[in-house]
Amino acid sequence: MRRQHLVFPLVLCLVAVLAACQTASKRPVSAVSTSTAASRQASPLAGARQMVVVATEDFSTDQARLRRFERSGDGPWRPVGDDVAVTIGKNGLAWGRGLHGAPPAGGPVKVEGDGKSPAGVFTFSTIFAYEPANLWAPAKMPVHKVTNQTVCVETINSSQYNRILDENTVAVRDWDSPDRMLRPDGLYRYGLMVDHNAPDTKPGAGSCIFMHLWRRPGAPTVGCTAMNEPAMLAILAWIDAAKHPVLVQLPKAELARLAPAWGAPEIVDIVVGRDG
């Protein structure tokens, strides 16, 4: 009888241990799945099916190359069109405010008037054009027709800071010396506004970042990304709000480091591996 009494508790303990082991073996799988899903959600490229990549040699250069990419669903990114020469801010790149989150510690950070283009990942808000009817194809993004009333507000303490608007539509003008967009040199004849420091605009973090026409080949900007007219028109004919397009603008070393973590390792060989 004593042996039977001893065996029964031992059997219960064994059953309990096996159940605990099964539970423990399930927990890591669940944790890994949750972690993987969280990392995918954390990617600034999540949901995007069009991507414009602008890559520089380093943070200080004012010259870059642009490539377009597209994907179906969450599939691999495929290049679209040719890679083209573009110019950026005369003082290079600095981390901007966008989908990529906080900049790495110690990296340059963009501020108003620094002559730098924003580095990171950004959405686009609107196409602008002097004559939208002259676009190569009907726009698939919102379009702002530029007139002599159209400005982009760069005054830091203005309630309209970092916005394109027509002055005749605003009752109170609390800004001075805005970027007047109907320019004699025609640089803004066609362009695209980049959502740097938007929509949660931080005063002094930089404003009025565009893709637009360049003054001449190789001529840098004061913070925008500029290119020849055919390249600009090709982007405007292709870009589609329904595909949630993003701009990825980075030095090559940062692109090689971050693109795999963002779920886009295939773009590294195309953009960075092109010339080593």
C-alpha atoms as a PDB file:
ATOM      1  CA  MET A   1       0.000   0.000   0.000  1.00  0.00           C
ATOM      2  CA  ARG A   2       2.778   2.393   0.802  1.00  0.00           C
ATOM      3  CA  ARG A   3       4.313   1.885  -2.646  1.00  0.00           C
ATOM      4  CA  GLN A   4       0.975   2.611  -4.319  1.00  0.00           C
ATOM      5  CA  HIS A   5       0.668   5.806  -2.285  1.00  0.00           C
ATOM      6  CA  LEU A   6       4.162   6.864  -3.379  1.00  0.00           C
ATOM      7  CA  VAL A   7       3.656   6.029  -7.061  1.00  0.00           C
ATOM      8  CA  PHE A   8       0.461   8.044  -7.447  1.00  0.00           C
ATOM      9  CA  PRO A   9       2.028  11.382  -6.335  1.00  0.00           C
ATOM     10  CA  LEU A  10       5.014  10.695  -8.601  1.00  0.00           C
ATOM     11  CA  VAL A  11       2.704  10.213 -11.574  1.00  0.00           C
ATOM     12  CA  LEU A  12       0.924  13.499 -10.809  1.00  0.00           C
ATOM     13  CA  CYS A  13       4.270  15.323 -10.601  1.00  0.00           C
ATOM     14  CA  LEU A  14       5.389  13.855 -13.921  1.00  0.00           C
ATOM     15  CA  VAL A  15       2.161  14.965 -15.608  1.00  0.00           C
ATOM     16  CA  ALA A  16       2.563  18.467 -14.177  1.00  0.00           C
ATOM     17  CA  VAL A  17       6.186  18.701 -15.351  1.00  0.00           C
ATOM     18  CA  LEU A  18       5.266  17.571 -18.887  1.00  0.00           C
ATOM     19  CA  ALA A  19       2.439  20.117 -19.060  1.00  0.00           C
ATOM     20  CA  ALA A  20       4.781  22.869 -17.896  1.00  0.00           C
ATOM     21  CA  CYS A  21       7.365  21.880 -20.510  1.00  0.00           C
ATOM     22  CA  GLN A  22       4.742  21.985 -23.265  1.00  0.00           C
ATOM     23  CA  THR A  23       3.619  25.431 -22.120  1.00  0.00           C
ATOM     24  CA  ALA A  24       7.216  26.669 -21.943  1.00  0.00           C
ATOM     25  CA  SER A  25       7.979  25.311 -25.410  1.00  0.00           C
ATOM     26  CA  LYS A  26       5.039  27.260 -26.858  1.00  0.00           C
ATOM     27  CA  ARG A  27       5.956  30.601 -25.299  1.00  0.00           C
ATOM     28  CA  PRO A  28       9.154  31.303 -27.287  1.00  0.00           C
ATOM     29  CA  VAL A  29       7.340  30.610 -30.587  1.00  0.00           C
ATOM     30  CA  SER A  30       4.620  33.074 -29.652  1.00  0.00           C
ATOM     31  CA  ALA A  31       7.192  35.614 -28.498  1.00  0.00           C
ATOM     32  CA  VAL A  32       9.201  35.287 -31.712  1.00  0.00           C
ATOM     33  CA  SER A  33       6.063  35.655 -33.839  1.00  0.00           C
ATOM     34  CA  THR A  34       5.035  38.759 -31.923  1.00  0.00           C
ATOM     35  CA  SER A  35       8.536  40.203 -32.162  1.00  0.00           C
ATOM     36  CA  THR A  36       8.708  39.546 -35.918  1.00  0.00           C
ATOM     37  CA  ALA A  37       5.317  41.170 -36.475  1.00  0.00           C
ATOM     38  CA  ALA A  38       6.376  44.151 -34.373  1.00  0.00           C
ATOM     39  CA  SER A  39       9.607  44.576 -36.339  1.00  0.00           C
ATOM     40  CA  ARG A  40       7.682  44.503 -39.609  1.00  0.00           C
ATOM     41  CA  GLN A  41       5.244  47.090 -38.310  1.00  0.00           C
ATOM     42  CA  ALA A  42       8.175  49.232 -37.170  1.00  0.00           C
ATOM     43  CA  SER A  43       9.653  49.447 -40.692  1.00  0.00           C
ATOM     44  CA  PRO A  44       9.213  52.925 -42.183  1.00  0.00           C
ATOM     45  CA  LEU A  45       8.584  51.190 -45.510  1.00  0.00           C
ATOM     46  CA  ALA A  46       5.572  49.244 -44.216  1.00  0.00           C
ATOM     47  CA  GLY A  47       2.612  49.662 -46.571  1.00  0.00           C
ATOM     48  CA  ALA A  48       4.623  51.457 -49.257  1.00  0.00           C
ATOM     49  CA  ARG A  49       4.565  50.043 -52.792  1.00  0.00           C
ATOM     50  CA  GLN A  50       6.533  52.835 -54.472  1.00  0.00           C
ATOM     51  CA  MET A  51       9.892  54.141 -53.303  1.00  0.00           C
ATOM     52  CA  VAL A  52      12.203  56.873 -54.545  1.00  0.00           C
ATOM     53  CA  VAL A  53      15.777  56.276 -53.357  1.00  0.00           C
ATOM     54  CA  VAL A  54      18.313  59.112 -53.329  1.00  0.00           C
ATOM     55  CA  ALA A  55      21.792  57.953 -52.323  1.00  0.00           C
ATOM     56  CA  THR A  56      24.906  60.040 -51.693  1.00  0.00           C
ATOM     57  CA  GLU A  57      28.498  58.994 -51.036  1.00  0.00           C
ATOM     58  CA  ASP A  58      28.416  60.514 -47.537  1.00  0.00           C
ATOM     59  CA  PHE A  59      26.720  63.159 -45.403  1.00  0.00           C
ATOM     60  CA  SER A  60      28.808  66.045 -46.763  1.00  0.00           C
ATOM     61  CA  THR A  61      28.438  65.692 -50.550  1.00  0.00           C
ATOM     62  CA  ASP A  62      25.909  67.666 -52.592  1.00  0.00           C
ATOM     63  CA  GLN A  63      25.672  65.160 -55.472  1.00  0.00           C
ATOM     64  CA  ALA A  64      23.514  62.013 -55.532  1.00  0.00           C
ATOM     65  CA  ARG A  65      21.888  59.334 -57.682  1.00  0.00           C
ATOM     66  CA  LEU A  66      18.145  58.637 -57.783  1.00  0.00           C
ATOM     67  CA  ARG A  67      16.431  55.303 -58.449  1.00  0.00           C
ATOM     68  CA  ARG A  68      12.740  54.433 -58.417  1.00  0.00           C
ATOM     69  CA  PHE A  69      11.415  51.134 -57.072  1.00  0.00           C
ATOM     70  CA  GLU A  70       8.032  49.442 -56.936  1.00  0.00           C
ATOM     71  CA  ARG A  71       6.677  46.257 -55.386  1.00  0.00           C
ATOM     72  CA  SER A  72       3.498  44.223 -55.301  1.00  0.00           C
ATOM     73  CA  GLY A  73       2.105  43.866 -51.787  1.00  0.00           C
ATOM     74  CA  ASP A  74       4.974  42.961 -49.469  1.00  0.00           C
ATOM     75  CA  GLY A  75       7.028  41.391 -52.261  1.00  0.00           C
ATOM     76  CA  PRO A  76      10.576  42.347 -53.244  1.00  0.00           C
ATOM     77  CA  TRP A  77      11.361  45.812 -54.541  1.00  0.00           C
ATOM     78  CA  ARG A  78      11.995  46.023 -58.293  1.00  0.00           C
ATOM     79  CA  PRO A  79      13.732  48.954 -60.031  1.00  0.00           C
ATOM     80  CA  VAL A  80      11.696  51.182 -62.336  1.00  0.00           C
ATOM     81  CA  GLY A  81      13.357  53.246 -65.054  1.00  0.00           C
ATOM     82  CA  ASP A  82      16.947  54.437 -65.096  1.00  0.00           C
ATOM     83  CA  ASP A  83      19.048  55.832 -62.316  1.00  0.00           C
ATOM     84  CA  VAL A  84      19.595  59.565 -62.743  1.00  0.00           C
ATOM     85  CA  ALA A  85      21.886  62.256 -61.414  1.00  0.00           C
ATOM     86  CA  VAL A  86      20.391  64.664 -58.865  1.00  0.00           C
ATOM     87  CA  THR A  87      21.718  67.339 -56.566  1.00  0.00           C
ATOM     88  CA  ILE A  88      20.872  67.997 -52.924  1.00  0.00           C
ATOM     89  CA  GLY A  89      21.612  70.693 -50.355  1.00  0.00           C
ATOM     90  CA  LYS A  90      24.896  72.562 -50.775  1.00  0.00           C
ATOM     91  CA  ASN A  91      25.990  71.362 -47.324  1.00  0.00           C
ATOM     92  CA  GLY A  92      24.964  67.736 -47.821  1.00  0.00           C
ATOM     93  CA  LEU A  93      22.565  65.728 -45.660  1.00  0.00           C
ATOM     94  CA  ALA A  94      21.362  65.836 -42.058  1.00  0.00           C
ATOM     95  CA  TRP A  95      18.785  63.627 -40.343  1.00  0.00           C
ATOM     96  CA  GLY A  96      15.283  65.003 -40.870  1.00  0.00           C
ATOM     97  CA  ARG A  97      11.940  64.334 -39.218  1.00  0.00           C
ATOM     98  CA  GLY A  98      10.053  61.527 -40.944  1.00  0.00           C
ATOM     99  CA  LEU A  99       8.953  57.909 -40.821  1.00  0.00           C
ATOM    100  CA  HIS A 100      12.389  56.637 -39.718  1.00  0.00           C
ATOM    101  CA  GLY A 101      11.983  58.016 -36.199  1.00  0.00           C
ATOM    102  CA  ALA A 102      14.701  59.492 -33.993  1.00  0.00           C
ATOM    103  CA  PRO A 103      18.092  60.071 -35.651  1.00  0.00           C
ATOM    104  CA  PRO A 104      21.100  58.037 -34.497  1.00  0.00           C
ATOM    105  CA  ALA A 105      23.034  59.581 -31.614  1.00  0.00           C
ATOM    106  CA  GLY A 106      25.788  61.880 -32.797  1.00  0.00           C
ATOM    107  CA  GLY A 107      24.511  62.201 -36.369  1.00  0.00           C
ATOM    108  CA  PRO A 108      23.903  65.599 -37.981  1.00  0.00           C
ATOM    109  CA  VAL A 109      20.341  66.846 -37.469  1.00  0.00           C
ATOM    110  CA  LYS A 110      18.606  69.205 -39.874  1.00  0.00           C
ATOM    111  CA  VAL A 111      17.591  72.704 -38.760  1.00  0.00           C
ATOM    112  CA  GLU A 112      16.103  75.644 -40.624  1.00  0.00           C
ATOM    113  CA  GLY A 113      18.559  77.428 -42.907  1.00  0.00           C
ATOM    114  CA  ASP A 114      21.417  74.914 -42.639  1.00  0.00           C
ATOM    115  CA  GLY A 115      21.689  74.320 -46.393  1.00  0.00           C
ATOM    116  CA  LYS A 116      21.250  70.566 -45.879  1.00  0.00           C
ATOM    117  CA  SER A 117      18.731  68.141 -47.337  1.00  0.00           C
ATOM    118  CA  PRO A 118      16.904  65.848 -44.906  1.00  0.00           C
ATOM    119  CA  ALA A 119      18.148  62.269 -44.526  1.00  0.00           C
ATOM    120  CA  GLY A 120      15.674  59.514 -43.675  1.00  0.00           C
ATOM    121  CA  VAL A 121      12.347  58.192 -44.945  1.00  0.00           C
ATOM    122  CA  PHE A 122       9.513  60.538 -45.871  1.00  0.00           C
ATOM    123  CA  THR A 123       6.100  60.532 -47.514  1.00  0.00           C
ATOM    124  CA  PHE A 124       5.008  62.976 -50.232  1.00  0.00           C
ATOM    125  CA  SER A 125       2.078  65.373 -49.949  1.00  0.00           C
ATOM    126  CA  THR A 126       1.411  67.156 -53.233  1.00  0.00           C
ATOM    127  CA  ILE A 127       2.590  67.731 -56.778  1.00  0.00           C
ATOM    128  CA  PHE A 128       2.930  71.374 -57.776  1.00  0.00           C
ATOM    129  CA  ALA A 129       3.148  72.804 -61.275  1.00  0.00           C
ATOM    130  CA  TYR A 130       2.853  76.087 -63.113  1.00  0.00           C
ATOM    131  CA  GLU A 131       0.764  74.349 -65.783  1.00  0.00           C
ATOM    132  CA  PRO A 132      -0.565  70.972 -64.552  1.00  0.00           C
ATOM    133  CA  ALA A 133      -2.013  70.306 -68.020  1.00  0.00           C
ATOM    134  CA  ASN A 134       1.557  69.950 -69.310  1.00  0.00           C
ATOM    135  CA  LEU A 135       2.351  66.946 -67.109  1.00  0.00           C
ATOM    136  CA  TRP A 136       3.163  63.796 -69.086  1.00  0.00           C
ATOM    137  CA  ALA A 137       0.137  61.975 -67.648  1.00  0.00           C
ATOM    138  CA  PRO A 138      -2.863  62.784 -65.450  1.00  0.00           C
ATOM    139  CA  ALA A 139      -1.613  63.125 -61.877  1.00  0.00           C
ATOM    140  CA  LYS A 140      -2.352  60.387 -59.343  1.00  0.00           C
ATOM    141  CA  MET A 141      -1.478  62.688 -56.463  1.00  0.00           C
ATOM    142  CA  PRO A 142      -3.034  65.939 -55.228  1.00  0.00           C
ATOM    143  CA  VAL A 143      -1.888  68.856 -57.419  1.00  0.00           C
ATOM    144  CA  HIS A 144      -1.365  72.484 -56.437  1.00  0.00           C
ATOM    145  CA  LYS A 145      -1.393  74.881 -59.394  1.00  0.00           C
ATOM    146  CA  VAL A 146       1.257  77.512 -58.719  1.00  0.00           C
ATOM    147  CA  THR A 147       0.229  81.152 -59.203  1.00  0.00           C
ATOM    148  CA  ASN A 148       1.700  84.493 -58.214  1.00  0.00           C
ATOM    149  CA  GLN A 149      -0.084  84.007 -54.875  1.00  0.00           C
ATOM    150  CA  THR A 150       1.547  80.656 -54.055  1.00  0.00           C
ATOM    151  CA  VAL A 151       4.129  80.613 -51.279  1.00  0.00           C
ATOM    152  CA  CYS A 152       5.780  78.120 -48.966  1.00  0.00           C
ATOM    153  CA  VAL A 153       6.129  79.518 -45.451  1.00  0.00           C
ATOM    154  CA  GLU A 154       9.592  79.391 -43.872  1.00  0.00           C
ATOM    155  CA  THR A 155       8.998  81.779 -40.945  1.00  0.00           C
ATOM    156  CA  ILE A 156       9.612  79.616 -37.874  1.00  0.00           C
ATOM    157  CA  ASN A 157       7.007  81.167 -35.567  1.00  0.00           C
ATOM    158  CA  SER A 158       4.244  81.305 -38.200  1.00  0.00           C
ATOM    159  CA  SER A 159       1.111  79.218 -37.752  1.00  0.00           C
ATOM    160  CA  GLN A 160       1.558  78.240 -41.419  1.00  0.00           C
ATOM    161  CA  TYR A 161       5.213  77.161 -41.065  1.00  0.00           C
ATOM    162  CA  ASN A 162       6.229  74.492 -43.592  1.00  0.00           C
ATOM    163  CA  ARG A 163       3.051  74.765 -45.681  1.00  0.00           C
ATOM    164  CA  ILE A 164       2.337  75.561 -49.337  1.00  0.00           C
ATOM    165  CA  LEU A 165      -0.620  77.925 -49.646  1.00  0.00           C
ATOM    166  CA  ASP A 166      -2.044  80.764 -51.693  1.00  0.00           C
ATOM    167  CA  GLU A 167      -1.762  84.063 -49.843  1.00  0.00           C
ATOM    168  CA  ASN A 168      -5.160  85.273 -51.036  1.00  0.00           C
ATOM    169  CA  THR A 169      -6.842  82.388 -49.188  1.00  0.00           C
ATOM    170  CA  VAL A 170      -5.462  83.316 -45.739  1.00  0.00           C
ATOM    171  CA  ALA A 171      -7.017  86.073 -43.615  1.00  0.00           C
ATOM    172  CA  VAL A 172      -3.964  86.707 -41.413  1.00  0.00           C
ATOM    173  CA  ARG A 173      -0.425  86.545 -42.797  1.00  0.00           C
ATOM    174  CA  ASP A 174       1.878  85.907 -39.863  1.00  0.00           C
ATOM    175  CA  TRP A 175       5.039  85.331 -41.922  1.00  0.00           C
ATOM    176  CA  ASP A 176       7.661  87.320 -43.761  1.00  0.00           C
ATOM    177  CA  SER A 177       9.906  86.606 -46.774  1.00  0.00           C
ATOM    178  CA  PRO A 178       8.216  83.342 -47.823  1.00  0.00           C
ATOM    179  CA  ASP A 179       9.508  81.117 -50.596  1.00  0.00           C
ATOM    180  CA  ARG A 180       7.565  82.550 -53.540  1.00  0.00           C
ATOM    181  CA  MET A 181       6.951  79.645 -55.867  1.00  0.00           C
ATOM    182  CA  LEU A 182       6.228  81.384 -59.182  1.00  0.00           C
ATOM    183  CA  ARG A 183       9.918  82.015 -59.760  1.00  0.00           C
ATOM    184  CA  PRO A 184      11.478  83.840 -62.716  1.00  0.00           C
ATOM    185  CA  ASP A 185      14.036  81.016 -63.075  1.00  0.00           C
ATOM    186  CA  GLY A 186      11.280  78.362 -63.319  1.00  0.00           C
ATOM    187  CA  LEU A 187      12.860  75.954 -60.813  1.00  0.00           C
ATOM    188  CA  TYR A 188       9.416  75.148 -59.421  1.00  0.00           C
ATOM    189  CA  ARG A 189       7.739  74.731 -62.788  1.00  0.00           C
ATOM    190  CA  TYR A 190       7.266  71.091 -61.812  1.00  0.00           C
ATOM    191  CA  GLY A 191       7.837  69.577 -58.401  1.00  0.00           C
ATOM    192  CA  LEU A 192       6.789  67.468 -55.482  1.00  0.00           C
ATOM    193  CA  MET A 193       6.575  68.390 -51.810  1.00  0.00           C
ATOM    194  CA  VAL A 194       8.383  66.095 -49.391  1.00  0.00           C
ATOM    195  CA  ASP A 195       6.767  65.550 -45.992  1.00  0.00           C
ATOM    196  CA  HIS A 196       9.860  66.393 -43.976  1.00  0.00           C
ATOM    197  CA  ASN A 197       8.887  67.826 -40.581  1.00  0.00           C
ATOM    198  CA  ALA A 198       5.222  67.152 -41.313  1.00  0.00           C
ATOM    199  CA  PRO A 199       2.437  66.760 -40.392  1.00  0.00           C
ATOM    200  CA  ASP A 200       3.618  67.211 -36.783  1.00  0.00           C
ATOM    201  CA  THR A 201       5.665  70.271 -37.628  1.00  0.00           C
ATOM    202  CA  LYS A 202       8.388  71.299 -35.197  1.00  0.00           C
ATOM    203  CA  PRO A 203       9.380  74.991 -35.386  1.00  0.00           C
ATOM    204  CA  GLY A 204      12.952  75.395 -36.606  1.00  0.00           C
ATOM    205  CA  ALA A 205      13.418  71.786 -37.770  1.00  0.00           C
ATOM    206  CA  GLY A 206      13.375  72.727 -41.458  1.00  0.00           C
ATOM    207  CA  SER A 207      10.711  73.611 -44.004  1.00  0.00           C
ATOM    208  CA  CYS A 208       9.684  73.660 -47.662  1.00  0.00           C
ATOM    209  CA  ILE A 209      11.596  70.596 -48.834  1.00  0.00           C
ATOM    210  CA  PHE A 210      10.840  69.813 -52.466  1.00  0.00           C
ATOM    211  CA  MET A 211      11.889  67.756 -55.411  1.00  0.00           C
ATOM    212  CA  HIS A 212      12.166  70.262 -58.260  1.00  0.00           C
ATOM    213  CA  LEU A 213      14.073  71.200 -61.415  1.00  0.00           C
ATOM    214  CA  TRP A 214      17.750  72.020 -61.127  1.00  0.00           C
ATOM    215  CA  ARG A 215      19.319  75.291 -62.180  1.00  0.00           C
ATOM    216  CA  ARG A 216      21.929  73.426 -64.211  1.00  0.00           C
ATOM    217  CA  PRO A 217      23.582  69.999 -64.027  1.00  0.00           C
ATOM    218  CA  GLY A 218      25.482  69.607 -60.762  1.00  0.00           C
ATOM    219  CA  ALA A 219      24.163  72.823 -59.188  1.00  0.00           C
ATOM    220  CA  PRO A 220      23.297  72.136 -55.506  1.00  0.00           C
ATOM    221  CA  THR A 221      20.240  73.470 -53.699  1.00  0.00           C
ATOM    222  CA  VAL A 222      19.647  74.978 -50.257  1.00  0.00           C
ATOM    223  CA  GLY A 223      17.963  71.795 -48.992  1.00  0.00           C
ATOM    224  CA  CYS A 224      15.808  70.329 -51.765  1.00  0.00           C
ATOM    225  CA  THR A 225      16.556  67.558 -54.266  1.00  0.00           C
ATOM    226  CA  ALA A 226      16.867  68.798 -57.851  1.00  0.00           C
ATOM    227  CA  MET A 227      17.089  67.130 -61.256  1.00  0.00           C
ATOM    228  CA  ASN A 228      16.565  67.636 -64.984  1.00  0.00           C
ATOM    229  CA  GLU A 229      13.073  68.140 -66.373  1.00  0.00           C
ATOM    230  CA  PRO A 230      12.583  64.691 -67.990  1.00  0.00           C
ATOM    231  CA  ALA A 231      13.527  62.966 -64.724  1.00  0.00           C
ATOM    232  CA  MET A 232      11.108  65.154 -62.765  1.00  0.00           C
ATOM    233  CA  LEU A 233       8.262  64.610 -65.216  1.00  0.00           C
ATOM    234  CA  ALA A 234       8.860  60.851 -65.185  1.00  0.00           C
ATOM    235  CA  ILE A 235       8.473  60.792 -61.405  1.00  0.00           C
ATOM    236  CA  LEU A 236       5.295  62.887 -61.546  1.00  0.00           C
ATOM    237  CA  ALA A 237       3.763  60.599 -64.202  1.00  0.00           C
ATOM    238  CA  TRP A 238       4.615  57.476 -62.168  1.00  0.00           C
ATOM    239  CA  ILE A 239       3.968  58.433 -58.552  1.00  0.00           C
ATOM    240  CA  ASP A 240       0.621  57.221 -57.206  1.00  0.00           C
ATOM    241  CA  ALA A 241      -0.911  58.178 -53.855  1.00  0.00           C
ATOM    242  CA  ALA A 242      -2.761  54.838 -53.755  1.00  0.00           C
ATOM    243  CA  LYS A 243       0.618  53.062 -53.622  1.00  0.00           C
ATOM    244  CA  HIS A 244       1.787  55.065 -50.578  1.00  0.00           C
ATOM    245  CA  PRO A 245       5.059  56.303 -52.107  1.00  0.00           C
ATOM    246  CA  VAL A 246       8.018  57.149 -49.896  1.00  0.00           C
ATOM    247  CA  LEU A 247      11.351  58.902 -50.309  1.00  0.00           C
ATOM    248  CA  VAL A 248      14.427  57.185 -48.875  1.00  0.00           C
ATOM    249  CA  GLN A 249      17.296  59.684 -48.873  1.00  0.00           C
ATOM    250  CA  LEU A 250      20.534  58.514 -47.265  1.00  0.00           C
ATOM    251  CA  PRO A 251      24.288  58.180 -47.625  1.00  0.00           C
ATOM    252  CA  LYS A 252      25.178  54.780 -49.091  1.00  0.00           C
ATOM    253  CA  ALA A 253      26.652  53.458 -45.848  1.00  0.00           C
ATOM    254  CA  GLU A 254      23.441  54.257 -43.968  1.00  0.00           C
ATOM    255  CA  LEU A 255      21.328  52.740 -46.735  1.00  0.00           C
ATOM    256  CA  ALA A 256      23.378  49.525 -46.625  1.00  0.00           C
ATOM    257  CA  ARG A 257      22.975  49.395 -42.840  1.00  0.00           C
ATOM    258  CA  LEU A 258      19.271  50.215 -42.620  1.00  0.00           C
ATOM    259  CA  ALA A 259      17.610  48.786 -45.749  1.00  0.00           C
ATOM    260  CA  PRO A 260      17.927  45.117 -44.641  1.00  0.00           C
ATOM    261  CA  ALA A 261      16.489  45.969 -41.215  1.00  0.00           C
ATOM    262  CA  TRP A 262      13.610  47.722 -42.982  1.00  0.00           C
ATOM    263  CA  GLY A 263      12.849  44.633 -45.084  1.00  0.00           C
ATOM    264  CA  ALA A 264      14.403  45.878 -48.339  1.00  0.00           C
ATOM    265  CA  PRO A 265      17.817  44.160 -48.636  1.00  0.00           C
ATOM    266  CA  GLU A 266      17.428  43.822 -52.412  1.00  0.00           C
ATOM    267  CA  ILE A 267      17.850  47.553 -52.997  1.00  0.00           C
ATOM    268  CA  VAL A 268      21.343  47.569 -51.489  1.00  0.00           C
ATOM    269  CA  ASP A 269      22.975  45.663 -54.358  1.00  0.00           C
ATOM    270  CA  ILE A 270      21.185  47.818 -56.903  1.00  0.00           C
ATOM    271  CA  VAL A 271      21.928  51.201 -55.328  1.00  0.00           C
ATOM    272  CA  VAL A 272      25.115  50.661 -53.341  1.00  0.00           C
ATOM    273  CA  GLY A 273      26.564  47.681 -55.221  1.00  0.00           C
ATOM    274  CA  ARG A 274      26.269  49.425 -58.560  1.00  0.00           C
ATOM    275  CA  ASP A 275      29.705  50.986 -58.120  1.00  0.00           C
ATOM    276  CA  GLY A 276      30.903  49.265 -54.960  1.00  0.00           C
END
